Amino acid sequence: MQVVIGAVLTGRVAPLGTATSAIAKAPVEGSVAVGPLGLAGDEQADRRVHGGPDKAVHHYALDHAAAWRADLPDLLERPGAFGENFSGFGLTERDVCVGDLWRAGSTLLQVSQARQPCFKLNLRFGVPDMARRVQASGRTGWYYRVIEPGLVTAGEALTLVERRHPDWPLSRLLHHLYVDRLDTAALRAIAALAPLAESWRTLAARRLASGAVEDWRRRLGEEG
């Protein structure tokens, strides 16, 4: 499986409503260095919840643009709108599996988790429930960790190198995170899914232990 990386994007921390964020990404021309913490020149405002080895590179599918346009005709629509580092067509959450290894330029990446949308999407788009809409739609995007640092350039191929967990496309993972949330067998499998980010495996284990789903309201900007 191979697709083209339509755009490579980075962003700087800047004011965003009542917060700060680097969600406003802009395309970069030429080759960009990719290291364990992401793309050179890319920033994160709150490193407690953004960035880090398991969120080094964010990918969002332009394939979703038509669905968003049908739902929200005035929505900002361009590469980087969702704060992604890679933008392009041909891959969605149904096509990408946990633990996939992908070659981008001279960089080797591994799919580490889907995105858990947060309230900054509400501010970015000026839609009070945008984070909730992204979560409910399953059109979240996903993250890679960097296995081999290197260089990547827009227009290069993104090529699947190895698929270790074909039974775990991100669409299935998202289904059990947000829809069928207390399926015991699925939670056990997620907790044991080695390439998945530790935070997600811990979340599954906590649900198993407690029999309850965590409160999403703060993350989605629904408190107060």
N, C-alpha and C. Protein backbone atom coordinates (compact mmCIF):
# COMPACT_ATOMS: atom_id res chain seq x y z
N MET A 1 0.85 -1.19 0.00
CA MET A 1 0.00 0.00 0.00
C MET A 1 0.89 1.24 0.00
N GLN A 2 0.52 2.18 -0.85
CA GLN A 2 1.33 3.40 -0.96
C GLN A 2 0.43 4.58 -1.33
N VAL A 3 0.67 5.72 -0.72
CA VAL A 3 -0.03 6.95 -1.04
C VAL A 3 1.00 8.07 -1.13
N VAL A 4 0.57 9.23 -1.56
CA VAL A 4 1.45 10.39 -1.65
C VAL A 4 1.19 11.31 -0.46
N ILE A 5 2.26 11.80 0.14
CA ILE A 5 2.13 12.80 1.20
C ILE A 5 1.85 14.13 0.52
N GLY A 6 0.63 14.60 0.63
CA GLY A 6 0.24 15.80 -0.09
C GLY A 6 0.89 17.06 0.44
N ALA A 7 1.03 17.13 1.76
CA ALA A 7 1.65 18.30 2.38
C ALA A 7 2.32 17.87 3.68
N VAL A 8 3.45 18.50 3.96
CA VAL A 8 4.14 18.37 5.25
C VAL A 8 4.02 19.71 5.93
N LEU A 9 3.56 19.71 7.21
CA LEU A 9 3.19 20.97 7.85
C LEU A 9 3.77 21.07 9.26
N THR A 10 4.09 22.29 9.65
CA THR A 10 4.53 22.58 11.01
C THR A 10 3.83 23.84 11.50
N GLY A 11 3.90 24.06 12.82
CA GLY A 11 3.27 25.25 13.38
C GLY A 11 3.99 25.74 14.62
N ARG A 12 3.83 27.02 14.90
CA ARG A 12 4.39 27.66 16.09
C ARG A 12 3.29 27.96 17.08
N VAL A 13 3.64 27.98 18.35
CA VAL A 13 2.67 28.31 19.39
C VAL A 13 2.22 29.76 19.23
N ALA A 14 0.90 29.96 19.29
CA ALA A 14 0.32 31.29 19.12
C ALA A 14 -0.98 31.35 19.91
N PRO A 15 -1.50 32.56 20.19
CA PRO A 15 -2.78 32.66 20.88
C PRO A 15 -3.89 31.99 20.07
N LEU A 16 -4.81 31.34 20.80
CA LEU A 16 -5.97 30.71 20.18
C LEU A 16 -7.15 30.90 21.13
N GLY A 17 -7.93 31.93 20.88
CA GLY A 17 -9.02 32.23 21.80
C GLY A 17 -8.49 32.51 23.19
N THR A 18 -8.99 31.76 24.15
CA THR A 18 -8.55 31.91 25.54
C THR A 18 -7.34 31.05 25.87
N ALA A 19 -6.78 30.37 24.88
CA ALA A 19 -5.66 29.45 25.10
C ALA A 19 -4.52 29.80 24.18
N THR A 20 -3.49 28.98 24.19
CA THR A 20 -2.43 29.04 23.19
C THR A 20 -2.31 27.66 22.55
N SER A 21 -1.86 27.64 21.31
CA SER A 21 -1.79 26.37 20.59
C SER A 21 -0.92 26.53 19.36
N ALA A 22 -0.38 25.40 18.88
CA ALA A 22 0.31 25.36 17.60
C ALA A 22 -0.51 24.58 16.58
N ILE A 23 -1.83 24.57 16.77
CA ILE A 23 -2.71 23.80 15.91
C ILE A 23 -2.76 24.37 14.48
N ALA A 24 -2.45 25.64 14.33
CA ALA A 24 -2.46 26.26 12.99
C ALA A 24 -1.17 25.90 12.27
N LYS A 25 -1.21 24.86 11.46
CA LYS A 25 -0.02 24.39 10.75
C LYS A 25 0.02 24.98 9.34
N ALA A 26 1.24 25.16 8.83
CA ALA A 26 1.43 25.68 7.47
C ALA A 26 2.36 24.75 6.70
N PRO A 27 2.14 24.59 5.40
CA PRO A 27 2.99 23.72 4.60
C PRO A 27 4.44 24.18 4.59
N VAL A 28 5.35 23.22 4.56
CA VAL A 28 6.78 23.47 4.52
C VAL A 28 7.31 23.01 3.17
N GLU A 29 8.10 23.85 2.53
CA GLU A 29 8.73 23.47 1.27
C GLU A 29 10.08 22.80 1.54
N GLY A 30 10.41 21.83 0.71
CA GLY A 30 11.69 21.16 0.85
C GLY A 30 11.64 20.09 1.92
N SER A 31 12.80 19.52 2.20
CA SER A 31 12.89 18.42 3.15
C SER A 31 12.83 18.92 4.59
N VAL A 32 12.17 18.15 5.43
CA VAL A 32 12.03 18.47 6.85
C VAL A 32 12.60 17.31 7.65
N ALA A 33 13.43 17.63 8.63
CA ALA A 33 13.98 16.60 9.51
C ALA A 33 12.90 16.12 10.47
N VAL A 34 12.85 14.80 10.66
CA VAL A 34 11.90 14.19 11.57
C VAL A 34 12.69 13.40 12.61
N GLY A 35 12.53 13.77 13.87
CA GLY A 35 13.23 13.11 14.96
C GLY A 35 12.26 12.45 15.92
N PRO A 36 12.73 11.92 17.03
CA PRO A 36 11.88 11.19 17.98
C PRO A 36 10.71 12.00 18.52
N LEU A 37 10.84 13.33 18.55
CA LEU A 37 9.77 14.18 19.07
C LEU A 37 9.02 14.92 17.98
N GLY A 38 9.28 14.56 16.71
CA GLY A 38 8.50 15.14 15.64
C GLY A 38 9.31 15.92 14.63
N LEU A 39 8.63 16.82 13.91
CA LEU A 39 9.23 17.56 12.81
C LEU A 39 10.00 18.78 13.32
N ALA A 40 11.13 19.03 12.71
CA ALA A 40 11.89 20.24 13.04
C ALA A 40 11.02 21.46 12.77
N GLY A 41 10.99 22.38 13.73
CA GLY A 41 10.21 23.60 13.57
C GLY A 41 8.78 23.50 14.02
N ASP A 42 8.34 22.30 14.44
CA ASP A 42 6.97 22.14 14.92
C ASP A 42 6.96 22.29 16.44
N GLU A 43 5.92 22.93 16.97
CA GLU A 43 5.85 23.19 18.40
C GLU A 43 4.55 22.66 18.99
N GLN A 44 4.53 22.53 20.32
CA GLN A 44 3.33 22.16 21.07
C GLN A 44 3.21 23.10 22.27
N ALA A 45 2.01 23.58 22.51
CA ALA A 45 1.81 24.55 23.59
C ALA A 45 1.78 23.87 24.96
N ASP A 46 1.19 22.70 25.04
CA ASP A 46 1.04 22.00 26.32
C ASP A 46 1.57 20.58 26.16
N ARG A 47 2.81 20.38 26.54
CA ARG A 47 3.45 19.08 26.34
C ARG A 47 2.95 18.00 27.29
N ARG A 48 2.09 18.36 28.23
CA ARG A 48 1.49 17.33 29.08
C ARG A 48 0.53 16.47 28.27
N VAL A 49 -0.10 17.04 27.26
CA VAL A 49 -1.12 16.30 26.50
C VAL A 49 -0.84 16.27 25.00
N HIS A 50 0.11 17.07 24.52
CA HIS A 50 0.44 17.08 23.09
C HIS A 50 1.93 16.79 22.92
N GLY A 51 2.26 16.21 21.78
CA GLY A 51 3.66 15.91 21.50
C GLY A 51 4.14 14.71 22.30
N GLY A 52 5.46 14.50 22.28
CA GLY A 52 6.05 13.34 22.92
C GLY A 52 6.27 12.22 21.93
N PRO A 53 7.01 11.19 22.31
CA PRO A 53 7.37 10.12 21.37
C PRO A 53 6.18 9.41 20.72
N ASP A 54 5.08 9.25 21.46
CA ASP A 54 3.93 8.55 20.89
C ASP A 54 2.99 9.47 20.10
N LYS A 55 3.30 10.76 20.08
CA LYS A 55 2.52 11.73 19.29
C LYS A 55 3.49 12.60 18.49
N ALA A 56 4.47 11.97 17.90
CA ALA A 56 5.52 12.73 17.22
C ALA A 56 5.03 13.36 15.92
N VAL A 57 4.23 12.62 15.17
CA VAL A 57 3.76 13.08 13.85
C VAL A 57 2.26 12.81 13.76
N HIS A 58 1.51 13.83 13.42
CA HIS A 58 0.05 13.70 13.29
C HIS A 58 -0.34 13.70 11.82
N HIS A 59 -1.20 12.74 11.44
CA HIS A 59 -1.65 12.58 10.06
C HIS A 59 -3.17 12.74 10.04
N TYR A 60 -3.65 13.55 9.09
CA TYR A 60 -5.09 13.70 8.91
C TYR A 60 -5.45 13.52 7.45
N ALA A 61 -6.57 12.83 7.21
CA ALA A 61 -6.97 12.47 5.86
C ALA A 61 -7.81 13.57 5.22
N LEU A 62 -7.35 14.07 4.09
CA LEU A 62 -8.17 15.01 3.31
C LEU A 62 -9.40 14.32 2.73
N ASP A 63 -9.41 12.98 2.74
CA ASP A 63 -10.58 12.23 2.30
C ASP A 63 -11.83 12.64 3.09
N HIS A 64 -11.64 13.16 4.30
CA HIS A 64 -12.78 13.52 5.14
C HIS A 64 -13.37 14.88 4.80
N ALA A 65 -12.74 15.62 3.94
CA ALA A 65 -13.17 17.00 3.68
C ALA A 65 -14.61 17.07 3.19
N ALA A 66 -15.00 16.16 2.31
CA ALA A 66 -16.35 16.21 1.75
C ALA A 66 -17.40 16.00 2.83
N ALA A 67 -17.14 15.07 3.74
CA ALA A 67 -18.10 14.82 4.82
C ALA A 67 -18.20 16.03 5.75
N TRP A 68 -17.07 16.64 6.06
CA TRP A 68 -17.12 17.83 6.91
C TRP A 68 -17.84 18.98 6.19
N ARG A 69 -17.60 19.11 4.90
CA ARG A 69 -18.23 20.19 4.14
C ARG A 69 -19.75 20.01 4.10
N ALA A 70 -20.21 18.75 4.01
CA ALA A 70 -21.64 18.48 3.99
C ALA A 70 -22.28 18.81 5.34
N ASP A 71 -21.53 18.59 6.41
CA ASP A 71 -22.04 18.82 7.76
C ASP A 71 -21.92 20.28 8.19
N LEU A 72 -20.79 20.89 7.82
CA LEU A 72 -20.48 22.26 8.23
C LEU A 72 -19.94 23.01 7.02
N PRO A 73 -20.82 23.58 6.20
CA PRO A 73 -20.39 24.17 4.92
C PRO A 73 -19.33 25.26 5.05
N ASP A 74 -19.30 25.97 6.16
CA ASP A 74 -18.35 27.08 6.31
C ASP A 74 -17.06 26.67 7.01
N LEU A 75 -16.87 25.38 7.19
CA LEU A 75 -15.70 24.90 7.93
C LEU A 75 -14.41 25.22 7.18
N LEU A 76 -13.39 25.62 7.95
CA LEU A 76 -12.05 25.81 7.39
C LEU A 76 -11.60 24.51 6.75
N GLU A 77 -11.21 24.57 5.51
CA GLU A 77 -10.88 23.34 4.78
C GLU A 77 -9.60 23.54 3.98
N ARG A 78 -8.51 23.04 4.51
CA ARG A 78 -7.23 23.07 3.81
C ARG A 78 -6.26 22.19 4.59
N PRO A 79 -5.17 21.77 3.97
CA PRO A 79 -4.17 21.02 4.73
C PRO A 79 -3.73 21.81 5.95
N GLY A 80 -3.66 21.14 7.09
CA GLY A 80 -3.28 21.78 8.33
C GLY A 80 -4.43 22.27 9.17
N ALA A 81 -5.64 22.18 8.64
CA ALA A 81 -6.80 22.70 9.38
C ALA A 81 -6.98 21.99 10.71
N PHE A 82 -6.66 20.71 10.77
CA PHE A 82 -6.85 19.93 11.99
C PHE A 82 -5.55 19.80 12.80
N GLY A 83 -4.57 20.60 12.46
CA GLY A 83 -3.33 20.59 13.21
C GLY A 83 -2.39 19.45 12.83
N GLU A 84 -2.58 18.90 11.63
CA GLU A 84 -1.80 17.73 11.23
C GLU A 84 -0.44 18.11 10.65
N ASN A 85 0.48 17.17 10.73
CA ASN A 85 1.80 17.31 10.11
C ASN A 85 1.86 16.71 8.72
N PHE A 86 1.09 15.65 8.48
CA PHE A 86 0.96 15.05 7.15
C PHE A 86 -0.49 15.18 6.72
N SER A 87 -0.68 15.61 5.49
CA SER A 87 -2.02 15.73 4.92
C SER A 87 -2.01 15.08 3.55
N GLY A 88 -3.10 14.42 3.21
CA GLY A 88 -3.17 13.81 1.88
C GLY A 88 -4.38 12.91 1.74
N PHE A 89 -4.52 12.34 0.57
CA PHE A 89 -5.63 11.45 0.25
C PHE A 89 -5.15 10.00 0.22
N GLY A 90 -6.10 9.08 0.42
CA GLY A 90 -5.83 7.67 0.19
C GLY A 90 -5.75 6.81 1.43
N LEU A 91 -5.66 7.43 2.61
CA LEU A 91 -5.65 6.68 3.86
C LEU A 91 -6.64 7.31 4.83
N THR A 92 -7.46 6.48 5.45
CA THR A 92 -8.31 6.93 6.54
C THR A 92 -8.12 5.98 7.72
N GLU A 93 -8.88 6.22 8.76
CA GLU A 93 -8.79 5.38 9.96
C GLU A 93 -9.19 3.93 9.69
N ARG A 94 -9.90 3.69 8.60
CA ARG A 94 -10.24 2.32 8.22
C ARG A 94 -9.09 1.60 7.53
N ASP A 95 -8.16 2.35 7.00
CA ASP A 95 -7.06 1.78 6.22
C ASP A 95 -5.78 1.59 7.01
N VAL A 96 -5.70 2.17 8.19
CA VAL A 96 -4.47 2.20 8.99
C VAL A 96 -4.69 1.39 10.26
N CYS A 97 -3.72 0.55 10.59
CA CYS A 97 -3.84 -0.32 11.75
C CYS A 97 -2.81 0.03 12.82
N VAL A 98 -3.16 -0.26 14.06
CA VAL A 98 -2.24 -0.08 15.17
C VAL A 98 -0.95 -0.86 14.89
N GLY A 99 0.19 -0.19 15.06
CA GLY A 99 1.47 -0.84 14.88
C GLY A 99 1.99 -0.88 13.46
N ASP A 100 1.21 -0.38 12.49
CA ASP A 100 1.70 -0.32 11.10
C ASP A 100 3.04 0.40 11.05
N LEU A 101 3.94 -0.11 10.24
CA LEU A 101 5.20 0.58 9.95
C LEU A 101 5.11 1.20 8.57
N TRP A 102 5.38 2.49 8.48
CA TRP A 102 5.29 3.23 7.23
C TRP A 102 6.61 3.96 6.97
N ARG A 103 7.05 3.90 5.72
CA ARG A 103 8.25 4.61 5.30
C ARG A 103 7.83 5.92 4.63
N ALA A 104 8.34 7.03 5.18
CA ALA A 104 8.09 8.36 4.62
C ALA A 104 9.44 8.99 4.36
N GLY A 105 9.82 9.11 3.09
CA GLY A 105 11.17 9.58 2.78
C GLY A 105 12.17 8.62 3.38
N SER A 106 13.11 9.13 4.15
CA SER A 106 14.08 8.27 4.82
C SER A 106 13.69 7.97 6.26
N THR A 107 12.47 8.35 6.62
CA THR A 107 11.97 8.17 7.99
C THR A 107 11.09 6.93 8.07
N LEU A 108 11.26 6.15 9.14
CA LEU A 108 10.38 5.00 9.39
C LEU A 108 9.49 5.35 10.58
N LEU A 109 8.19 5.23 10.36
CA LEU A 109 7.19 5.63 11.35
C LEU A 109 6.33 4.43 11.73
N GLN A 110 5.80 4.47 12.95
CA GLN A 110 4.89 3.42 13.41
C GLN A 110 3.62 4.07 13.95
N VAL A 111 2.47 3.54 13.53
CA VAL A 111 1.20 4.05 14.02
C VAL A 111 1.07 3.70 15.50
N SER A 112 0.94 4.72 16.34
CA SER A 112 0.95 4.53 17.78
C SER A 112 -0.42 4.69 18.43
N GLN A 113 -1.29 5.50 17.85
CA GLN A 113 -2.61 5.74 18.43
C GLN A 113 -3.44 6.61 17.50
N ALA A 114 -4.75 6.60 17.73
CA ALA A 114 -5.61 7.58 17.08
C ALA A 114 -5.57 8.86 17.91
N ARG A 115 -6.18 9.88 17.38
CA ARG A 115 -6.23 11.15 18.11
C ARG A 115 -7.43 11.18 19.03
N GLN A 116 -7.24 11.69 20.24
CA GLN A 116 -8.35 12.01 21.11
C GLN A 116 -8.58 13.52 21.01
N PRO A 117 -9.65 13.95 20.33
CA PRO A 117 -9.84 15.38 20.10
C PRO A 117 -10.06 16.14 21.40
N CYS A 118 -9.57 17.39 21.42
CA CYS A 118 -9.71 18.21 22.61
C CYS A 118 -10.37 19.54 22.26
N PHE A 119 -10.63 20.33 23.30
CA PHE A 119 -11.40 21.57 23.17
C PHE A 119 -10.76 22.59 22.24
N LYS A 120 -9.46 22.46 21.96
CA LYS A 120 -8.83 23.45 21.09
C LYS A 120 -9.37 23.37 19.66
N LEU A 121 -9.94 22.24 19.28
CA LEU A 121 -10.63 22.17 17.98
C LEU A 121 -11.85 23.09 17.97
N ASN A 122 -12.52 23.21 19.11
CA ASN A 122 -13.67 24.13 19.19
C ASN A 122 -13.23 25.56 18.90
N LEU A 123 -12.08 25.94 19.47
CA LEU A 123 -11.55 27.29 19.27
C LEU A 123 -11.03 27.47 17.85
N ARG A 124 -10.37 26.45 17.34
CA ARG A 124 -9.77 26.52 16.00
C ARG A 124 -10.82 26.78 14.93
N PHE A 125 -11.97 26.08 15.05
CA PHE A 125 -12.99 26.16 14.01
C PHE A 125 -14.13 27.11 14.35
N GLY A 126 -14.14 27.61 15.59
CA GLY A 126 -15.25 28.46 15.98
C GLY A 126 -16.56 27.72 16.04
N VAL A 127 -16.49 26.42 16.34
CA VAL A 127 -17.68 25.56 16.47
C VAL A 127 -17.65 24.99 17.88
N PRO A 128 -18.61 25.36 18.75
CA PRO A 128 -18.50 25.02 20.17
C PRO A 128 -18.40 23.54 20.48
N ASP A 129 -18.95 22.70 19.60
CA ASP A 129 -18.90 21.26 19.86
C ASP A 129 -18.06 20.51 18.82
N MET A 130 -17.06 21.20 18.23
CA MET A 130 -16.28 20.57 17.17
C MET A 130 -15.53 19.34 17.68
N ALA A 131 -14.94 19.40 18.87
CA ALA A 131 -14.23 18.24 19.39
C ALA A 131 -15.16 17.05 19.54
N ARG A 132 -16.36 17.29 20.03
CA ARG A 132 -17.36 16.23 20.16
C ARG A 132 -17.73 15.67 18.78
N ARG A 133 -17.88 16.55 17.80
CA ARG A 133 -18.21 16.10 16.44
C ARG A 133 -17.10 15.22 15.86
N VAL A 134 -15.85 15.63 16.06
CA VAL A 134 -14.73 14.84 15.55
C VAL A 134 -14.72 13.47 16.21
N GLN A 135 -14.92 13.45 17.52
CA GLN A 135 -14.93 12.18 18.25
C GLN A 135 -16.05 11.27 17.76
N ALA A 136 -17.25 11.82 17.64
CA ALA A 136 -18.41 11.02 17.24
C ALA A 136 -18.30 10.51 15.81
N SER A 137 -17.64 11.27 14.95
CA SER A 137 -17.53 10.89 13.54
C SER A 137 -16.50 9.79 13.30
N GLY A 138 -15.53 9.64 14.20
CA GLY A 138 -14.42 8.72 13.96
C GLY A 138 -13.39 9.27 12.99
N ARG A 139 -13.59 10.52 12.55
CA ARG A 139 -12.64 11.15 11.63
C ARG A 139 -11.61 11.94 12.46
N THR A 140 -10.82 11.24 13.21
CA THR A 140 -9.96 11.85 14.22
C THR A 140 -8.53 12.13 13.75
N GLY A 141 -8.05 11.37 12.76
CA GLY A 141 -6.63 11.38 12.45
C GLY A 141 -5.89 10.45 13.40
N TRP A 142 -4.57 10.38 13.21
CA TRP A 142 -3.79 9.45 14.03
C TRP A 142 -2.36 9.95 14.16
N TYR A 143 -1.62 9.27 15.05
CA TYR A 143 -0.24 9.65 15.34
C TYR A 143 0.73 8.52 15.00
N TYR A 144 1.96 8.95 14.68
CA TYR A 144 3.07 8.02 14.50
C TYR A 144 4.13 8.30 15.56
N ARG A 145 4.81 7.24 15.98
CA ARG A 145 6.09 7.40 16.67
C ARG A 145 7.19 7.20 15.64
N VAL A 146 8.37 7.74 15.89
CA VAL A 146 9.47 7.69 14.93
C VAL A 146 10.40 6.53 15.31
N ILE A 147 10.49 5.57 14.43
CA ILE A 147 11.37 4.41 14.63
C ILE A 147 12.77 4.71 14.11
N GLU A 148 12.83 5.32 12.94
CA GLU A 148 14.11 5.73 12.35
C GLU A 148 14.00 7.19 11.92
N PRO A 149 14.72 8.11 12.57
CA PRO A 149 14.70 9.51 12.15
C PRO A 149 15.20 9.67 10.72
N GLY A 150 14.78 10.74 10.08
CA GLY A 150 15.22 10.98 8.71
C GLY A 150 14.65 12.28 8.18
N LEU A 151 14.48 12.32 6.87
CA LEU A 151 13.95 13.50 6.19
C LEU A 151 12.68 13.11 5.44
N VAL A 152 11.75 14.04 5.36
CA VAL A 152 10.54 13.81 4.60
C VAL A 152 10.22 15.08 3.81
N THR A 153 9.64 14.90 2.62
CA THR A 153 9.32 16.00 1.73
C THR A 153 7.92 15.81 1.17
N ALA A 154 7.14 16.86 1.09
CA ALA A 154 5.82 16.78 0.46
C ALA A 154 5.97 16.26 -0.96
N GLY A 155 5.05 15.40 -1.36
CA GLY A 155 5.08 14.80 -2.69
C GLY A 155 5.75 13.44 -2.71
N GLU A 156 6.43 13.08 -1.62
CA GLU A 156 7.03 11.75 -1.54
C GLU A 156 5.97 10.71 -1.20
N ALA A 157 6.35 9.45 -1.42
CA ALA A 157 5.45 8.35 -1.11
C ALA A 157 5.47 8.04 0.38
N LEU A 158 4.33 7.63 0.88
CA LEU A 158 4.20 7.02 2.21
C LEU A 158 3.84 5.56 1.95
N THR A 159 4.75 4.67 2.31
CA THR A 159 4.65 3.27 1.90
C THR A 159 4.54 2.35 3.10
N LEU A 160 3.55 1.46 3.07
CA LEU A 160 3.41 0.48 4.13
C LEU A 160 4.53 -0.55 4.05
N VAL A 161 5.26 -0.70 5.14
CA VAL A 161 6.39 -1.62 5.21
C VAL A 161 5.98 -2.93 5.89
N GLU A 162 5.20 -2.82 6.94
CA GLU A 162 4.80 -4.03 7.70
C GLU A 162 3.50 -3.75 8.43
N ARG A 163 2.61 -4.75 8.42
CA ARG A 163 1.35 -4.67 9.15
C ARG A 163 1.31 -5.81 10.15
N ARG A 164 1.47 -5.48 11.43
CA ARG A 164 1.57 -6.49 12.48
C ARG A 164 0.21 -6.85 13.07
N HIS A 165 -0.75 -5.94 13.00
CA HIS A 165 -2.05 -6.16 13.65
C HIS A 165 -3.19 -5.82 12.69
N PRO A 166 -3.37 -6.64 11.65
CA PRO A 166 -4.42 -6.33 10.66
C PRO A 166 -5.83 -6.35 11.24
N ASP A 167 -6.01 -7.01 12.39
CA ASP A 167 -7.33 -7.05 13.01
C ASP A 167 -7.66 -5.79 13.79
N TRP A 168 -6.70 -4.85 13.87
CA TRP A 168 -6.92 -3.64 14.65
C TRP A 168 -6.74 -2.36 13.83
N PRO A 169 -7.62 -2.17 12.82
CA PRO A 169 -7.64 -0.84 12.19
C PRO A 169 -8.05 0.20 13.21
N LEU A 170 -7.66 1.42 13.00
CA LEU A 170 -7.97 2.47 13.95
C LEU A 170 -9.48 2.67 14.09
N SER A 171 -10.23 2.39 13.05
CA SER A 171 -11.68 2.52 13.14
C SER A 171 -12.25 1.58 14.20
N ARG A 172 -11.67 0.38 14.33
CA ARG A 172 -12.12 -0.55 15.37
C ARG A 172 -11.71 -0.05 16.76
N LEU A 173 -10.50 0.42 16.86
CA LEU A 173 -10.03 0.98 18.13
C LEU A 173 -10.94 2.12 18.59
N LEU A 174 -11.25 3.03 17.68
CA LEU A 174 -12.11 4.17 18.00
C LEU A 174 -13.53 3.72 18.38
N HIS A 175 -14.01 2.68 17.73
CA HIS A 175 -15.34 2.15 18.06
C HIS A 175 -15.40 1.73 19.52
N HIS A 176 -14.36 1.05 19.98
CA HIS A 176 -14.38 0.56 21.36
C HIS A 176 -14.01 1.66 22.36
N LEU A 177 -13.33 2.69 21.90
CA LEU A 177 -13.04 3.81 22.80
C LEU A 177 -14.28 4.66 23.02
N TYR A 178 -15.07 4.90 21.95
CA TYR A 178 -16.13 5.90 22.01
C TYR A 178 -17.55 5.35 21.86
N VAL A 179 -17.72 4.14 21.36
CA VAL A 179 -19.08 3.63 21.10
C VAL A 179 -19.38 2.41 21.98
N ASP A 180 -18.80 1.28 21.66
CA ASP A 180 -18.99 0.06 22.46
C ASP A 180 -17.90 0.04 23.52
N ARG A 181 -18.08 0.82 24.56
CA ARG A 181 -16.99 1.26 25.43
C ARG A 181 -16.61 0.29 26.53
N LEU A 182 -17.46 -0.68 26.83
CA LEU A 182 -17.18 -1.59 27.93
C LEU A 182 -17.21 -3.06 27.48
N ASP A 183 -16.86 -3.29 26.23
CA ASP A 183 -16.72 -4.65 25.71
C ASP A 183 -15.48 -5.27 26.36
N THR A 184 -15.69 -6.21 27.26
CA THR A 184 -14.59 -6.76 28.07
C THR A 184 -13.52 -7.40 27.21
N ALA A 185 -13.92 -8.21 26.24
CA ALA A 185 -12.93 -8.89 25.39
C ALA A 185 -12.11 -7.88 24.61
N ALA A 186 -12.76 -6.86 24.08
CA ALA A 186 -12.05 -5.84 23.30
C ALA A 186 -11.10 -5.05 24.20
N LEU A 187 -11.54 -4.70 25.39
CA LEU A 187 -10.67 -3.96 26.30
C LEU A 187 -9.45 -4.77 26.70
N ARG A 188 -9.62 -6.06 26.92
CA ARG A 188 -8.47 -6.91 27.23
C ARG A 188 -7.48 -6.91 26.06
N ALA A 189 -8.02 -7.03 24.85
CA ALA A 189 -7.16 -7.05 23.67
C ALA A 189 -6.43 -5.72 23.51
N ILE A 190 -7.12 -4.61 23.74
CA ILE A 190 -6.50 -3.29 23.61
C ILE A 190 -5.40 -3.12 24.66
N ALA A 191 -5.66 -3.55 25.89
CA ALA A 191 -4.68 -3.42 26.96
C ALA A 191 -3.42 -4.22 26.67
N ALA A 192 -3.54 -5.26 25.85
CA ALA A 192 -2.40 -6.12 25.53
C ALA A 192 -1.77 -5.80 24.17
N LEU A 193 -2.24 -4.75 23.50
CA LEU A 193 -1.79 -4.43 22.15
C LEU A 193 -0.47 -3.66 22.24
N ALA A 194 0.63 -4.38 22.15
CA ALA A 194 1.95 -3.82 22.48
C ALA A 194 2.32 -2.54 21.74
N PRO A 195 2.07 -2.40 20.42
CA PRO A 195 2.50 -1.17 19.74
C PRO A 195 1.64 0.04 20.07
N LEU A 196 0.49 -0.18 20.70
CA LEU A 196 -0.39 0.93 21.04
C LEU A 196 0.25 1.77 22.15
N ALA A 197 0.06 3.07 22.08
CA ALA A 197 0.62 3.98 23.09
C ALA A 197 0.22 3.51 24.49
N GLU A 198 1.16 3.62 25.42
CA GLU A 198 0.93 3.14 26.78
C GLU A 198 -0.30 3.79 27.41
N SER A 199 -0.53 5.07 27.13
CA SER A 199 -1.67 5.76 27.73
C SER A 199 -3.00 5.12 27.32
N TRP A 200 -3.09 4.64 26.09
CA TRP A 200 -4.31 3.99 25.63
C TRP A 200 -4.47 2.61 26.26
N ARG A 201 -3.37 1.87 26.38
CA ARG A 201 -3.44 0.56 27.02
C ARG A 201 -3.84 0.70 28.49
N THR A 202 -3.31 1.74 29.14
CA THR A 202 -3.68 2.00 30.53
C THR A 202 -5.14 2.37 30.65
N LEU A 203 -5.65 3.17 29.72
CA LEU A 203 -7.06 3.53 29.73
C LEU A 203 -7.94 2.28 29.64
N ALA A 204 -7.59 1.36 28.74
CA ALA A 204 -8.37 0.12 28.61
C ALA A 204 -8.32 -0.69 29.89
N ALA A 205 -7.14 -0.78 30.49
CA ALA A 205 -7.00 -1.54 31.73
C ALA A 205 -7.83 -0.91 32.86
N ARG A 206 -7.88 0.41 32.92
CA ARG A 206 -8.67 1.07 33.95
C ARG A 206 -10.16 0.82 33.77
N ARG A 207 -10.62 0.83 32.53
CA ARG A 207 -12.03 0.52 32.29
C ARG A 207 -12.35 -0.91 32.73
N LEU A 208 -11.44 -1.82 32.42
CA LEU A 208 -11.64 -3.21 32.84
C LEU A 208 -11.75 -3.31 34.36
N ALA A 209 -10.87 -2.61 35.04
CA ALA A 209 -10.83 -2.70 36.50
C ALA A 209 -12.03 -2.03 37.15
N SER A 210 -12.46 -0.90 36.59
CA SER A 210 -13.51 -0.10 37.22
C SER A 210 -14.91 -0.41 36.70
N GLY A 211 -15.00 -0.93 35.48
CA GLY A 211 -16.30 -1.12 34.86
C GLY A 211 -16.98 0.18 34.50
N ALA A 212 -16.19 1.24 34.38
CA ALA A 212 -16.74 2.57 34.09
C ALA A 212 -15.91 3.28 33.03
N VAL A 213 -16.54 4.23 32.35
CA VAL A 213 -15.88 5.02 31.31
C VAL A 213 -15.47 6.36 31.90
N GLU A 214 -14.28 6.81 31.55
CA GLU A 214 -13.75 8.07 32.05
C GLU A 214 -14.60 9.26 31.58
N ASP A 215 -14.51 10.35 32.30
CA ASP A 215 -15.27 11.56 31.99
C ASP A 215 -14.53 12.34 30.90
N TRP A 216 -15.20 12.59 29.79
CA TRP A 216 -14.58 13.28 28.65
C TRP A 216 -14.83 14.78 28.66
N ARG A 217 -15.66 15.30 29.53
CA ARG A 217 -16.17 16.66 29.39
C ARG A 217 -15.06 17.72 29.39
N ARG A 218 -14.09 17.57 30.25
CA ARG A 218 -13.02 18.58 30.30
C ARG A 218 -12.24 18.58 29.00
N ARG A 219 -11.87 17.39 28.51
CA ARG A 219 -11.10 17.30 27.28
C ARG A 219 -11.88 17.91 26.10
N LEU A 220 -13.17 17.70 26.07
CA LEU A 220 -13.99 18.19 24.95
C LEU A 220 -14.44 19.63 25.12
N GLY A 221 -14.11 20.24 26.24
CA GLY A 221 -14.51 21.62 26.46
C GLY A 221 -15.97 21.78 26.81
N GLU A 222 -16.52 20.78 27.51
CA GLU A 222 -17.94 20.78 27.84
C GLU A 222 -18.20 21.06 29.31
N GLU A 223 -17.19 21.36 30.08
CA GLU A 223 -17.38 21.70 31.48
C GLU A 223 -17.76 23.17 31.61
N GLY A 224 -18.52 23.47 32.64
CA GLY A 224 -18.85 24.86 32.93
C GLY A 224 -19.82 25.45 31.95
